[in-house]
């Protein structure tokens, strides 16, 4: 993806998507908002060029980290959508006015306020698109989670990754306990001697030892109690999550169909996706879609289902939806 702004013309090329926008084409959108609409147009086009170039760099960084994406396809998807959103924002700005520019006489204050609100929403949509697009790219690049990120239950290696993480947490717990025990045994205030004792007793480096011995705001050395308590709580949380994932995989996928006012609805417990899914015989009406969204379900084009996380809360939500669609029916 290439985006340049030269000679008052923005040029965008991303795979099959090509677009050129000149300052002269859009400056009229700020005729009633600025004494220098051409300057505002230049700022807007320059900002778009920067955003597109930054996103192109981001795509290259994802690939460098091992992300499995088609850079050209992702660039085209982002560029076409972003140009669409900023164009909508510019159009909304063109409906607004400033009485400093057009004059205060008979100025349509209330109508202009509504139009300004609309322009603000269009601007927010364009800004938010960048973050949403990056998250979407990461989901496609790493379906089971980005390196160093959270361990997703849908990851085939999730149990092994959790076991390794738990092991590291336990090692850290024992390390903190050992350091505190060594520090408590030393009655002198000789920091060098205590640091050497930490190195000898735990195998840590001198730099780490001196960092551990940095006094807190109360003048106490070593690891504070909340550090051990938090680490211990995290170990318990990870162990519970590991048991939950192993239990789901042992149980395997489950499917069942239930009669509702909309026909038979299939309820799937999809272990691979780690989602509880509702499959309707046809597109649900607006009222049903509102019900689904209120219970945390979102439409998944990939699976052709309304889904949310597969856990007790998700199963309860599915049961609640079925009750609402057929009060006499339970999941």
C-alpha atoms as a PDB file:
ATOM      1  CA  UNK A   1       0.000   0.000   0.000  1.00  0.00           C
ATOM      2  CA  UNK A   2       1.319   3.397  -1.017  1.00  0.00           C
ATOM      3  CA  UNK A   3      -0.079   6.774  -0.015  1.00  0.00           C
ATOM      4  CA  UNK A   4       1.517  10.078  -1.018  1.00  0.00           C
ATOM      5  CA  UNK A   5       0.398  13.672  -0.802  1.00  0.00           C
ATOM      6  CA  UNK A   6       2.222  15.831  -3.310  1.00  0.00           C
ATOM      7  CA  UNK A   7       1.282  18.918  -5.306  1.00  0.00           C
ATOM      8  CA  UNK A   8      -2.053  19.133  -3.462  1.00  0.00           C
ATOM      9  CA  UNK A   9      -3.077  15.638  -4.580  1.00  0.00           C
ATOM     10  CA  UNK A  10      -3.466  12.532  -2.409  1.00  0.00           C
ATOM     11  CA  UNK A  11      -2.620   9.353  -4.321  1.00  0.00           C
ATOM     12  CA  UNK A  12      -3.469   5.971  -2.838  1.00  0.00           C
ATOM     13  CA  UNK A  13      -2.606   2.590  -4.342  1.00  0.00           C
ATOM     14  CA  UNK A  14      -3.397  -0.647  -2.555  1.00  0.00           C
ATOM     15  CA  UNK A  15      -3.636  -3.799  -4.695  1.00  0.00           C
ATOM     16  CA  UNK A  16      -6.594  -3.186  -7.031  1.00  0.00           C
ATOM     17  CA  UNK A  17      -7.743  -0.091  -5.123  1.00  0.00           C
ATOM     18  CA  UNK A  18      -6.600   3.234  -6.520  1.00  0.00           C
ATOM     19  CA  UNK A  19      -7.774   6.684  -5.510  1.00  0.00           C
ATOM     20  CA  UNK A  20      -6.680  10.261  -6.119  1.00  0.00           C
ATOM     21  CA  UNK A  21      -8.168  13.191  -4.228  1.00  0.00           C
ATOM     22  CA  UNK A  22      -7.177  16.780  -4.956  1.00  0.00           C
ATOM     23  CA  UNK A  23      -7.411  19.705  -2.568  1.00  0.00           C
ATOM     24  CA  UNK A  24      -9.657  21.489  -5.068  1.00  0.00           C
ATOM     25  CA  UNK A  25     -12.141  18.601  -4.935  1.00  0.00           C
ATOM     26  CA  UNK A  26     -12.778  18.759  -1.196  1.00  0.00           C
ATOM     27  CA  UNK A  27     -11.939  22.280  -0.023  1.00  0.00           C
ATOM     28  CA  UNK A  28     -15.556  23.358  -0.540  1.00  0.00           C
ATOM     29  CA  UNK A  29     -16.474  21.224   2.504  1.00  0.00           C
ATOM     30  CA  UNK A  30     -14.909  23.901   4.728  1.00  0.00           C
ATOM     31  CA  UNK A  31     -16.113  27.011   2.895  1.00  0.00           C
ATOM     32  CA  UNK A  32     -18.505  27.772   5.751  1.00  0.00           C
ATOM     33  CA  UNK A  33     -16.118  26.691   8.516  1.00  0.00           C
ATOM     34  CA  UNK A  34     -12.770  28.281   7.675  1.00  0.00           C
ATOM     35  CA  UNK A  35     -11.366  31.470   6.201  1.00  0.00           C
ATOM     36  CA  UNK A  36      -8.831  29.210   4.450  1.00  0.00           C
ATOM     37  CA  UNK A  37     -10.664  26.034   3.344  1.00  0.00           C
ATOM     38  CA  UNK A  38      -7.751  25.065   1.105  1.00  0.00           C
ATOM     39  CA  UNK A  39      -5.438  24.881   4.123  1.00  0.00           C
ATOM     40  CA  UNK A  40      -7.912  22.695   5.969  1.00  0.00           C
ATOM     41  CA  UNK A  41      -8.186  20.419   2.931  1.00  0.00           C
ATOM     42  CA  UNK A  42      -4.394  20.069   2.807  1.00  0.00           C
ATOM     43  CA  UNK A  43      -4.293  19.155   6.488  1.00  0.00           C
ATOM     44  CA  UNK A  44      -6.976  16.511   6.012  1.00  0.00           C
ATOM     45  CA  UNK A  45      -5.325  14.907   2.988  1.00  0.00           C
ATOM     46  CA  UNK A  46      -1.917  14.982   4.645  1.00  0.00           C
ATOM     47  CA  UNK A  47      -3.398  13.282   7.707  1.00  0.00           C
ATOM     48  CA  UNK A  48      -4.951  10.538   5.573  1.00  0.00           C
ATOM     49  CA  UNK A  49      -1.634   9.930   3.810  1.00  0.00           C
ATOM     50  CA  UNK A  50       0.117   9.598   7.167  1.00  0.00           C
ATOM     51  CA  UNK A  51      -2.543   7.217   8.526  1.00  0.00           C
ATOM     52  CA  UNK A  52      -2.360   4.959   5.484  1.00  0.00           C
ATOM     53  CA  UNK A  53       1.442   4.923   5.492  1.00  0.00           C
ATOM     54  CA  UNK A  54       1.513   4.113   9.210  1.00  0.00           C
ATOM     55  CA  UNK A  55      -0.921   1.249   8.668  1.00  0.00           C
ATOM     56  CA  UNK A  56       1.257  -0.088   5.859  1.00  0.00           C
ATOM     57  CA  UNK A  57       4.234  -0.075   8.250  1.00  0.00           C
ATOM     58  CA  UNK A  58       2.074  -1.851  10.830  1.00  0.00           C
ATOM     59  CA  UNK A  59       1.245  -4.621   8.338  1.00  0.00           C
ATOM     60  CA  UNK A  60       4.938  -5.130   7.610  1.00  0.00           C
ATOM     61  CA  UNK A  61       5.627  -5.332  11.351  1.00  0.00           C
ATOM     62  CA  UNK A  62       2.944  -8.015  11.743  1.00  0.00           C
ATOM     63  CA  UNK A  63       4.569 -10.088   9.002  1.00  0.00           C
ATOM     64  CA  UNK A  64       7.992  -9.596  10.601  1.00  0.00           C
ATOM     65  CA  UNK A  65       6.586 -11.055  13.836  1.00  0.00           C
ATOM     66  CA  UNK A  66       5.399 -14.142  11.972  1.00  0.00           C
ATOM     67  CA  UNK A  67       1.795 -13.130  11.315  1.00  0.00           C
ATOM     68  CA  UNK A  68       0.147 -15.057   8.488  1.00  0.00           C
ATOM     69  CA  UNK A  69      -1.556 -12.324   6.420  1.00  0.00           C
ATOM     70  CA  UNK A  70      -1.737 -11.141   2.818  1.00  0.00           C
ATOM     71  CA  UNK A  71      -0.322  -7.627   3.057  1.00  0.00           C
ATOM     72  CA  UNK A  72      -1.845  -6.499  -0.236  1.00  0.00           C
ATOM     73  CA  UNK A  73      -5.330  -7.723   0.656  1.00  0.00           C
ATOM     74  CA  UNK A  74      -5.171  -6.208   4.137  1.00  0.00           C
ATOM     75  CA  UNK A  75      -3.867  -2.912   2.734  1.00  0.00           C
ATOM     76  CA  UNK A  76      -6.628  -2.735   0.155  1.00  0.00           C
ATOM     77  CA  UNK A  77      -9.287  -3.556   2.750  1.00  0.00           C
ATOM     78  CA  UNK A  78      -8.066  -0.844   5.097  1.00  0.00           C
ATOM     79  CA  UNK A  79      -7.450   1.851   2.487  1.00  0.00           C
ATOM     80  CA  UNK A  80     -10.827   1.500   0.767  1.00  0.00           C
ATOM     81  CA  UNK A  81     -12.754   1.520   4.047  1.00  0.00           C
ATOM     82  CA  UNK A  82     -10.761   4.380   5.547  1.00  0.00           C
ATOM     83  CA  UNK A  83     -11.195   6.581   2.482  1.00  0.00           C
ATOM     84  CA  UNK A  84     -14.920   5.850   2.635  1.00  0.00           C
ATOM     85  CA  UNK A  85     -15.115   6.849   6.308  1.00  0.00           C
ATOM     86  CA  UNK A  86     -13.082  10.064   6.005  1.00  0.00           C
ATOM     87  CA  UNK A  87     -15.068  11.044   2.915  1.00  0.00           C
ATOM     88  CA  UNK A  88     -18.265  10.656   4.930  1.00  0.00           C
ATOM     89  CA  UNK A  89     -16.720  12.858   7.620  1.00  0.00           C
ATOM     90  CA  UNK A  90     -15.738  15.537   5.101  1.00  0.00           C
ATOM     91  CA  UNK A  91     -19.252  15.483   3.629  1.00  0.00           C
ATOM     92  CA  UNK A  92     -20.739  15.898   7.102  1.00  0.00           C
ATOM     93  CA  UNK A  93     -18.395  18.827   7.747  1.00  0.00           C
ATOM     94  CA  UNK A  94     -19.637  20.378   4.508  1.00  0.00           C
ATOM     95  CA  UNK A  95     -23.142  20.616   5.996  1.00  0.00           C
ATOM     96  CA  UNK A  96     -21.890  22.626   8.991  1.00  0.00           C
ATOM     97  CA  UNK A  97     -21.184  26.316   9.328  1.00  0.00           C
ATOM     98  CA  UNK A  98     -19.532  28.817  11.653  1.00  0.00           C
ATOM     99  CA  UNK A  99     -21.132  32.185  12.227  1.00  0.00           C
ATOM    100  CA  UNK A 100     -17.612  33.640  12.343  1.00  0.00           C
ATOM    101  CA  UNK A 101     -17.484  32.794   8.628  1.00  0.00           C
ATOM    102  CA  UNK A 102     -21.068  33.174   7.390  1.00  0.00           C
ATOM    103  CA  UNK A 103     -22.166  35.869   9.851  1.00  0.00           C
ATOM    104  CA  UNK A 104     -24.427  35.695  12.939  1.00  0.00           C
ATOM    105  CA  UNK A 105     -27.612  37.062  11.380  1.00  0.00           C
ATOM    106  CA  UNK A 106     -30.385  34.436  11.336  1.00  0.00           C
ATOM    107  CA  UNK A 107     -27.787  31.754  12.078  1.00  0.00           C
ATOM    108  CA  UNK A 108     -29.510  28.303  12.321  1.00  0.00           C
ATOM    109  CA  UNK A 109     -28.076  27.422  15.731  1.00  0.00           C
ATOM    110  CA  UNK A 110     -30.071  24.277  16.537  1.00  0.00           C
ATOM    111  CA  UNK A 111     -29.846  22.788  13.054  1.00  0.00           C
ATOM    112  CA  UNK A 112     -26.117  23.483  12.956  1.00  0.00           C
ATOM    113  CA  UNK A 113     -25.613  21.843  16.352  1.00  0.00           C
ATOM    114  CA  UNK A 114     -27.192  18.615  15.061  1.00  0.00           C
ATOM    115  CA  UNK A 115     -25.028  18.718  11.968  1.00  0.00           C
ATOM    116  CA  UNK A 116     -21.916  19.288  14.076  1.00  0.00           C
ATOM    117  CA  UNK A 117     -22.865  16.281  16.204  1.00  0.00           C
ATOM    118  CA  UNK A 118     -23.169  14.192  13.047  1.00  0.00           C
ATOM    119  CA  UNK A 119     -19.777  15.391  11.849  1.00  0.00           C
ATOM    120  CA  UNK A 120     -18.257  14.507  15.227  1.00  0.00           C
ATOM    121  CA  UNK A 121     -19.667  10.973  14.973  1.00  0.00           C
ATOM    122  CA  UNK A 122     -18.289  10.544  11.454  1.00  0.00           C
ATOM    123  CA  UNK A 123     -14.882  11.769  12.651  1.00  0.00           C
ATOM    124  CA  UNK A 124     -14.955   9.332  15.583  1.00  0.00           C
ATOM    125  CA  UNK A 125     -15.811   6.455  13.229  1.00  0.00           C
ATOM    126  CA  UNK A 126     -12.801   7.272  11.066  1.00  0.00           C
ATOM    127  CA  UNK A 127     -10.493   7.471  14.097  1.00  0.00           C
ATOM    128  CA  UNK A 128     -11.797   4.259  15.647  1.00  0.00           C
ATOM    129  CA  UNK A 129     -11.455   2.415  12.354  1.00  0.00           C
ATOM    130  CA  UNK A 130      -7.669   2.315  12.711  1.00  0.00           C
ATOM    131  CA  UNK A 131      -7.761   0.483  16.035  1.00  0.00           C
ATOM    132  CA  UNK A 132     -10.527  -1.881  14.943  1.00  0.00           C
ATOM    133  CA  UNK A 133      -8.709  -2.683  11.708  1.00  0.00           C
ATOM    134  CA  UNK A 134      -5.511  -3.534  13.594  1.00  0.00           C
ATOM    135  CA  UNK A 135      -7.388  -5.881  15.924  1.00  0.00           C
ATOM    136  CA  UNK A 136      -9.007  -7.570  12.916  1.00  0.00           C
ATOM    137  CA  UNK A 137      -5.611  -7.984  11.249  1.00  0.00           C
ATOM    138  CA  UNK A 138      -4.185  -9.566  14.400  1.00  0.00           C
ATOM    139  CA  UNK A 139      -7.112 -11.989  14.630  1.00  0.00           C
ATOM    140  CA  UNK A 140      -6.463 -13.101  11.061  1.00  0.00           C
ATOM    141  CA  UNK A 141      -2.682 -13.136  11.491  1.00  0.00           C
ATOM    142  CA  UNK A 142      -2.782 -15.153  14.712  1.00  0.00           C
ATOM    143  CA  UNK A 143      -6.121 -16.999  14.973  1.00  0.00           C
ATOM    144  CA  UNK A 144      -5.066 -18.453  18.324  1.00  0.00           C
ATOM    145  CA  UNK A 145      -3.571 -15.295  19.799  1.00  0.00           C
ATOM    146  CA  UNK A 146      -0.593 -13.047  19.115  1.00  0.00           C
ATOM    147  CA  UNK A 147       2.840 -14.033  20.474  1.00  0.00           C
ATOM    148  CA  UNK A 148       3.154 -12.951  24.082  1.00  0.00           C
ATOM    149  CA  UNK A 149      -0.578 -12.255  24.307  1.00  0.00           C
ATOM    150  CA  UNK A 150      -3.317 -14.009  26.227  1.00  0.00           C
ATOM    151  CA  UNK A 151      -3.614 -17.771  25.827  1.00  0.00           C
ATOM    152  CA  UNK A 152      -6.897 -18.426  24.040  1.00  0.00           C
ATOM    153  CA  UNK A 153      -8.873 -21.539  24.830  1.00  0.00           C
ATOM    154  CA  UNK A 154      -9.305 -22.103  21.073  1.00  0.00           C
ATOM    155  CA  UNK A 155      -5.535 -22.544  20.715  1.00  0.00           C
ATOM    156  CA  UNK A 156      -4.780 -26.260  20.180  1.00  0.00           C
ATOM    157  CA  UNK A 157      -1.685 -25.824  22.374  1.00  0.00           C
ATOM    158  CA  UNK A 158      -3.543 -23.959  25.144  1.00  0.00           C
ATOM    159  CA  UNK A 159      -3.207 -26.702  27.820  1.00  0.00           C
ATOM    160  CA  UNK A 160       0.546 -27.049  27.287  1.00  0.00           C
ATOM    161  CA  UNK A 161       1.045 -23.274  27.197  1.00  0.00           C
ATOM    162  CA  UNK A 162      -0.921 -22.909  30.432  1.00  0.00           C
ATOM    163  CA  UNK A 163       1.123 -25.645  32.126  1.00  0.00           C
ATOM    164  CA  UNK A 164       4.333 -23.855  31.171  1.00  0.00           C
ATOM    165  CA  UNK A 165       2.973 -20.541  32.423  1.00  0.00           C
ATOM    166  CA  UNK A 166       1.895 -22.114  35.707  1.00  0.00           C
ATOM    167  CA  UNK A 167       5.345 -23.673  36.092  1.00  0.00           C
ATOM    168  CA  UNK A 168       6.993 -20.267  35.590  1.00  0.00           C
ATOM    169  CA  UNK A 169       4.680 -18.691  38.149  1.00  0.00           C
ATOM    170  CA  UNK A 170       5.462 -21.407  40.669  1.00  0.00           C
ATOM    171  CA  UNK A 171       9.196 -20.988  40.108  1.00  0.00           C
ATOM    172  CA  UNK A 172       8.805 -17.255  40.657  1.00  0.00           C
ATOM    173  CA  UNK A 173       6.845 -17.900  43.857  1.00  0.00           C
ATOM    174  CA  UNK A 174       9.601 -20.108  45.240  1.00  0.00           C
ATOM    175  CA  UNK A 175      12.224 -17.568  44.154  1.00  0.00           C
ATOM    176  CA  UNK A 176      10.469 -14.739  46.016  1.00  0.00           C
ATOM    177  CA  UNK A 177      10.063 -16.874  49.124  1.00  0.00           C
ATOM    178  CA  UNK A 178      13.740 -17.872  49.052  1.00  0.00           C
ATOM    179  CA  UNK A 179      14.877 -14.256  48.638  1.00  0.00           C
ATOM    180  CA  UNK A 180      12.750 -13.077  51.563  1.00  0.00           C
ATOM    181  CA  UNK A 181      14.046 -15.913  53.744  1.00  0.00           C
ATOM    182  CA  UNK A 182      17.668 -15.002  52.983  1.00  0.00           C
ATOM    183  CA  UNK A 183      17.037 -11.319  53.692  1.00  0.00           C
ATOM    184  CA  UNK A 184      15.323 -12.092  57.019  1.00  0.00           C
ATOM    185  CA  UNK A 185      18.245 -14.271  58.172  1.00  0.00           C
ATOM    186  CA  UNK A 186      20.731 -11.447  57.633  1.00  0.00           C
ATOM    187  CA  UNK A 187      20.763  -9.230  60.680  1.00  0.00           C
ATOM    188  CA  UNK A 188      23.331  -6.717  59.404  1.00  0.00           C
ATOM    189  CA  UNK A 189      22.619  -3.791  57.076  1.00  0.00           C
ATOM    190  CA  UNK A 190      25.529  -4.646  54.784  1.00  0.00           C
ATOM    191  CA  UNK A 191      23.756  -4.490  51.417  1.00  0.00           C
ATOM    192  CA  UNK A 192      26.723  -5.924  49.531  1.00  0.00           C
ATOM    193  CA  UNK A 193      26.853  -8.937  51.828  1.00  0.00           C
ATOM    194  CA  UNK A 194      23.109  -9.531  51.553  1.00  0.00           C
ATOM    195  CA  UNK A 195      23.276  -9.188  47.759  1.00  0.00           C
ATOM    196  CA  UNK A 196      26.052 -11.777  47.630  1.00  0.00           C
ATOM    197  CA  UNK A 197      23.961 -14.084  49.805  1.00  0.00           C
ATOM    198  CA  UNK A 198      21.060 -13.741  47.350  1.00  0.00           C
ATOM    199  CA  UNK A 199      23.358 -14.535  44.444  1.00  0.00           C
ATOM    200  CA  UNK A 200      24.777 -17.586  46.242  1.00  0.00           C
ATOM    201  CA  UNK A 201      21.398 -18.781  47.506  1.00  0.00           C
ATOM    202  CA  UNK A 202      19.217 -18.290  44.420  1.00  0.00           C
ATOM    203  CA  UNK A 203      21.585 -18.016  41.470  1.00  0.00           C
ATOM    204  CA  UNK A 204      20.297 -14.588  40.458  1.00  0.00           C
ATOM    205  CA  UNK A 205      22.620 -11.913  39.095  1.00  0.00           C
ATOM    206  CA  UNK A 206      24.064  -9.108  41.208  1.00  0.00           C
ATOM    207  CA  UNK A 207      21.941  -6.574  39.308  1.00  0.00           C
ATOM    208  CA  UNK A 208      18.760  -8.485  40.189  1.00  0.00           C
ATOM    209  CA  UNK A 209      19.903  -8.884  43.796  1.00  0.00           C
ATOM    210  CA  UNK A 210      20.465  -5.146  44.272  1.00  0.00           C
ATOM    211  CA  UNK A 211      17.103  -4.407  42.667  1.00  0.00           C
ATOM    212  CA  UNK A 212      15.402  -6.768  45.135  1.00  0.00           C
ATOM    213  CA  UNK A 213      17.180  -5.015  47.986  1.00  0.00           C
ATOM    214  CA  UNK A 214      15.929  -1.554  46.977  1.00  0.00           C
ATOM    215  CA  UNK A 215      13.880  -0.382  50.003  1.00  0.00           C
ATOM    216  CA  UNK A 216      10.185   0.394  49.557  1.00  0.00           C
ATOM    217  CA  UNK A 217       8.526   3.517  50.942  1.00  0.00           C
ATOM    218  CA  UNK A 218       8.621   1.937  54.429  1.00  0.00           C
ATOM    219  CA  UNK A 219      12.306   1.096  54.147  1.00  0.00           C
ATOM    220  CA  UNK A 220      11.620  -2.635  53.842  1.00  0.00           C
ATOM    221  CA  UNK A 221      13.699  -4.841  51.551  1.00  0.00           C
ATOM    222  CA  UNK A 222      12.663  -7.875  49.541  1.00  0.00           C
ATOM    223  CA  UNK A 223       9.356  -8.853  48.001  1.00  0.00           C
ATOM    224  CA  UNK A 224       6.274  -7.425  49.643  1.00  0.00           C
ATOM    225  CA  UNK A 225       3.480  -9.736  50.801  1.00  0.00           C
ATOM    226  CA  UNK A 226       1.043  -8.558  48.141  1.00  0.00           C
ATOM    227  CA  UNK A 227       3.477  -9.692  45.424  1.00  0.00           C
ATOM    228  CA  UNK A 228       3.402 -13.245  46.733  1.00  0.00           C
ATOM    229  CA  UNK A 229      -0.361 -13.145  47.306  1.00  0.00           C
ATOM    230  CA  UNK A 230      -1.054 -11.854  43.789  1.00  0.00           C
ATOM    231  CA  UNK A 231       1.236 -14.436  42.218  1.00  0.00           C
ATOM    232  CA  UNK A 232      -0.380 -17.215  44.215  1.00  0.00           C
ATOM    233  CA  UNK A 233      -3.849 -16.050  43.176  1.00  0.00           C
ATOM    234  CA  UNK A 234      -2.757 -15.989  39.535  1.00  0.00           C
ATOM    235  CA  UNK A 235      -1.499 -19.578  39.832  1.00  0.00           C
ATOM    236  CA  UNK A 236      -4.891 -20.678  41.182  1.00  0.00           C
ATOM    237  CA  UNK A 237      -6.693 -18.805  38.369  1.00  0.00           C
ATOM    238  CA  UNK A 238      -4.525 -20.436  35.700  1.00  0.00           C
ATOM    239  CA  UNK A 239      -5.019 -23.880  37.236  1.00  0.00           C
ATOM    240  CA  UNK A 240      -8.793 -23.402  37.189  1.00  0.00           C
ATOM    241  CA  UNK A 241      -8.636 -22.297  33.560  1.00  0.00           C
ATOM    242  CA  UNK A 242      -6.519 -25.304  32.646  1.00  0.00           C
ATOM    243  CA  UNK A 243      -9.028 -27.668  34.277  1.00  0.00           C
ATOM    244  CA  UNK A 244     -11.874 -25.927  32.450  1.00  0.00           C
ATOM    245  CA  UNK A 245     -10.202 -26.254  29.041  1.00  0.00           C
ATOM    246  CA  UNK A 246      -9.268 -29.893  29.627  1.00  0.00           C
ATOM    247  CA  UNK A 247     -12.825 -30.650  30.746  1.00  0.00           C
ATOM    248  CA  UNK A 248     -14.285 -29.066  27.594  1.00  0.00           C
ATOM    249  CA  UNK A 249     -11.949 -31.021  25.352  1.00  0.00           C
ATOM    250  CA  UNK A 250     -12.685 -34.284  27.096  1.00  0.00           C
ATOM    251  CA  UNK A 251     -16.412 -33.621  26.701  1.00  0.00           C
ATOM    252  CA  UNK A 252     -16.017 -32.608  23.029  1.00  0.00           C
ATOM    253  CA  UNK A 253     -18.446 -30.743  20.792  1.00  0.00           C
ATOM    254  CA  UNK A 254     -22.118 -31.021  21.638  1.00  0.00           C
ATOM    255  CA  UNK A 255     -25.131 -30.146  19.526  1.00  0.00           C
ATOM    256  CA  UNK A 256     -28.848 -30.048  20.227  1.00  0.00           C
ATOM    257  CA  UNK A 257     -31.879 -28.509  18.520  1.00  0.00           C
ATOM    258  CA  UNK A 258     -34.847 -26.876  20.222  1.00  0.00           C
ATOM    259  CA  UNK A 259     -38.218 -25.716  18.863  1.00  0.00           C
ATOM    260  CA  UNK A 260     -38.908 -21.977  19.092  1.00  0.00           C
ATOM    261  CA  UNK A 261     -41.306 -19.488  17.589  1.00  0.00           C
ATOM    262  CA  UNK A 262     -38.730 -18.989  14.807  1.00  0.00           C
ATOM    263  CA  UNK A 263     -38.400 -22.708  14.073  1.00  0.00           C
ATOM    264  CA  UNK A 264     -35.814 -25.178  15.306  1.00  0.00           C
ATOM    265  CA  UNK A 265     -32.730 -23.469  16.766  1.00  0.00           C
ATOM    266  CA  UNK A 266     -29.505 -25.449  16.952  1.00  0.00           C
ATOM    267  CA  UNK A 267     -27.335 -24.955  20.024  1.00  0.00           C
ATOM    268  CA  UNK A 268     -23.697 -25.895  19.543  1.00  0.00           C
ATOM    269  CA  UNK A 269     -20.963 -26.155  22.120  1.00  0.00           C
ATOM    270  CA  UNK A 270     -18.033 -25.585  19.749  1.00  0.00           C
ATOM    271  CA  UNK A 271     -14.849 -26.524  21.592  1.00  0.00           C
ATOM    272  CA  UNK A 272     -12.582 -25.597  18.678  1.00  0.00           C
ATOM    273  CA  UNK A 273     -13.869 -22.016  18.658  1.00  0.00           C
ATOM    274  CA  UNK A 274     -14.507 -22.058  22.445  1.00  0.00           C
ATOM    275  CA  UNK A 275     -17.971 -20.654  21.762  1.00  0.00           C
ATOM    276  CA  UNK A 276     -21.568 -21.538  22.480  1.00  0.00           C
ATOM    277  CA  UNK A 277     -23.376 -20.952  19.187  1.00  0.00           C
ATOM    278  CA  UNK A 278     -27.007 -20.487  18.206  1.00  0.00           C
ATOM    279  CA  UNK A 279     -27.910 -21.345  14.620  1.00  0.00           C
ATOM    280  CA  UNK A 280     -31.295 -20.124  13.379  1.00  0.00           C
ATOM    281  CA  UNK A 281     -33.162 -21.512  10.359  1.00  0.00           C
ATOM    282  CA  UNK A 282     -33.271 -17.993   8.889  1.00  0.00           C
ATOM    283  CA  UNK A 283     -32.136 -14.496   9.773  1.00  0.00           C
ATOM    284  CA  UNK A 284     -33.742 -13.556  13.131  1.00  0.00           C
ATOM    285  CA  UNK A 285     -36.051 -10.558  13.202  1.00  0.00           C
ATOM    286  CA  UNK A 286     -34.928  -7.263  14.725  1.00  0.00           C
ATOM    287  CA  UNK A 287     -36.468  -7.974  18.139  1.00  0.00           C
ATOM    288  CA  UNK A 288     -34.675 -11.329  18.356  1.00  0.00           C
ATOM    289  CA  UNK A 289     -31.389  -9.758  17.290  1.00  0.00           C
ATOM    290  CA  UNK A 290     -31.750  -7.202  20.071  1.00  0.00           C
ATOM    291  CA  UNK A 291     -32.377 -10.047  22.523  1.00  0.00           C
ATOM    292  CA  UNK A 292     -29.282 -11.902  21.326  1.00  0.00           C
ATOM    293  CA  UNK A 293     -27.071  -8.830  21.611  1.00  0.00           C
ATOM    294  CA  UNK A 294     -28.423  -8.024  25.072  1.00  0.00           C
ATOM    295  CA  UNK A 295     -27.319 -11.511  26.173  1.00  0.00           C
ATOM    296  CA  UNK A 296     -23.808 -11.031  24.772  1.00  0.00           C
ATOM    297  CA  UNK A 297     -24.210 -12.929  21.485  1.00  0.00           C
ATOM    298  CA  UNK A 298     -22.572 -11.572  18.350  1.00  0.00           C
ATOM    299  CA  UNK A 299     -22.946 -12.704  14.749  1.00  0.00           C
ATOM    300  CA  UNK A 300     -20.057 -14.740  13.312  1.00  0.00           C
ATOM    301  CA  UNK A 301     -19.974 -14.883   9.497  1.00  0.00           C
ATOM    302  CA  UNK A 302     -17.291 -17.577   9.694  1.00  0.00           C
ATOM    303  CA  UNK A 303     -19.482 -20.001  11.642  1.00  0.00           C
ATOM    304  CA  UNK A 304     -22.854 -18.739  10.431  1.00  0.00           C
ATOM    305  CA  UNK A 305     -24.030 -18.501  14.024  1.00  0.00           C
ATOM    306  CA  UNK A 306     -24.695 -16.157  16.916  1.00  0.00           C
ATOM    307  CA  UNK A 307     -22.073 -16.904  19.520  1.00  0.00           C
ATOM    308  CA  UNK A 308     -20.374 -15.972  22.792  1.00  0.00           C
ATOM    309  CA  UNK A 309     -17.723 -17.595  24.976  1.00  0.00           C
ATOM    310  CA  UNK A 310     -18.306 -21.194  25.934  1.00  0.00           C
ATOM    311  CA  UNK A 311     -18.577 -21.055  29.708  1.00  0.00           C
ATOM    312  CA  UNK A 312     -21.287 -21.327  32.329  1.00  0.00           C
ATOM    313  CA  UNK A 313     -22.381 -17.745  31.699  1.00  0.00           C
ATOM    314  CA  UNK A 314     -22.586 -18.403  27.966  1.00  0.00           C
ATOM    315  CA  UNK A 315     -24.661 -21.559  28.434  1.00  0.00           C
ATOM    316  CA  UNK A 316     -26.965 -19.713  30.816  1.00  0.00           C
ATOM    317  CA  UNK A 317     -27.359 -16.913  28.276  1.00  0.00           C
ATOM    318  CA  UNK A 318     -28.274 -19.434  25.550  1.00  0.00           C
ATOM    319  CA  UNK A 319     -30.839 -20.969  27.879  1.00  0.00           C
ATOM    320  CA  UNK A 320     -32.289 -17.518  28.568  1.00  0.00           C
ATOM    321  CA  UNK A 321     -32.609 -16.763  24.849  1.00  0.00           C
ATOM    322  CA  UNK A 322     -34.403 -20.060  24.236  1.00  0.00           C
ATOM    323  CA  UNK A 323     -36.744 -19.342  27.133  1.00  0.00           C
ATOM    324  CA  UNK A 324     -37.568 -15.948  25.654  1.00  0.00           C
ATOM    325  CA  UNK A 325     -38.256 -17.450  22.225  1.00  0.00           C
ATOM    326  CA  UNK A 326     -40.234 -20.350  23.649  1.00  0.00           C
ATOM    327  CA  UNK A 327     -41.075 -19.911  27.381  1.00  0.00           C
ATOM    328  CA  UNK A 328     -41.801 -23.600  27.841  1.00  0.00           C
ATOM    329  CA  UNK A 329     -38.480 -24.708  26.386  1.00  0.00           C
ATOM    330  CA  UNK A 330     -35.176 -25.068  28.244  1.00  0.00           C
ATOM    331  CA  UNK A 331     -31.719 -25.816  26.887  1.00  0.00           C
END
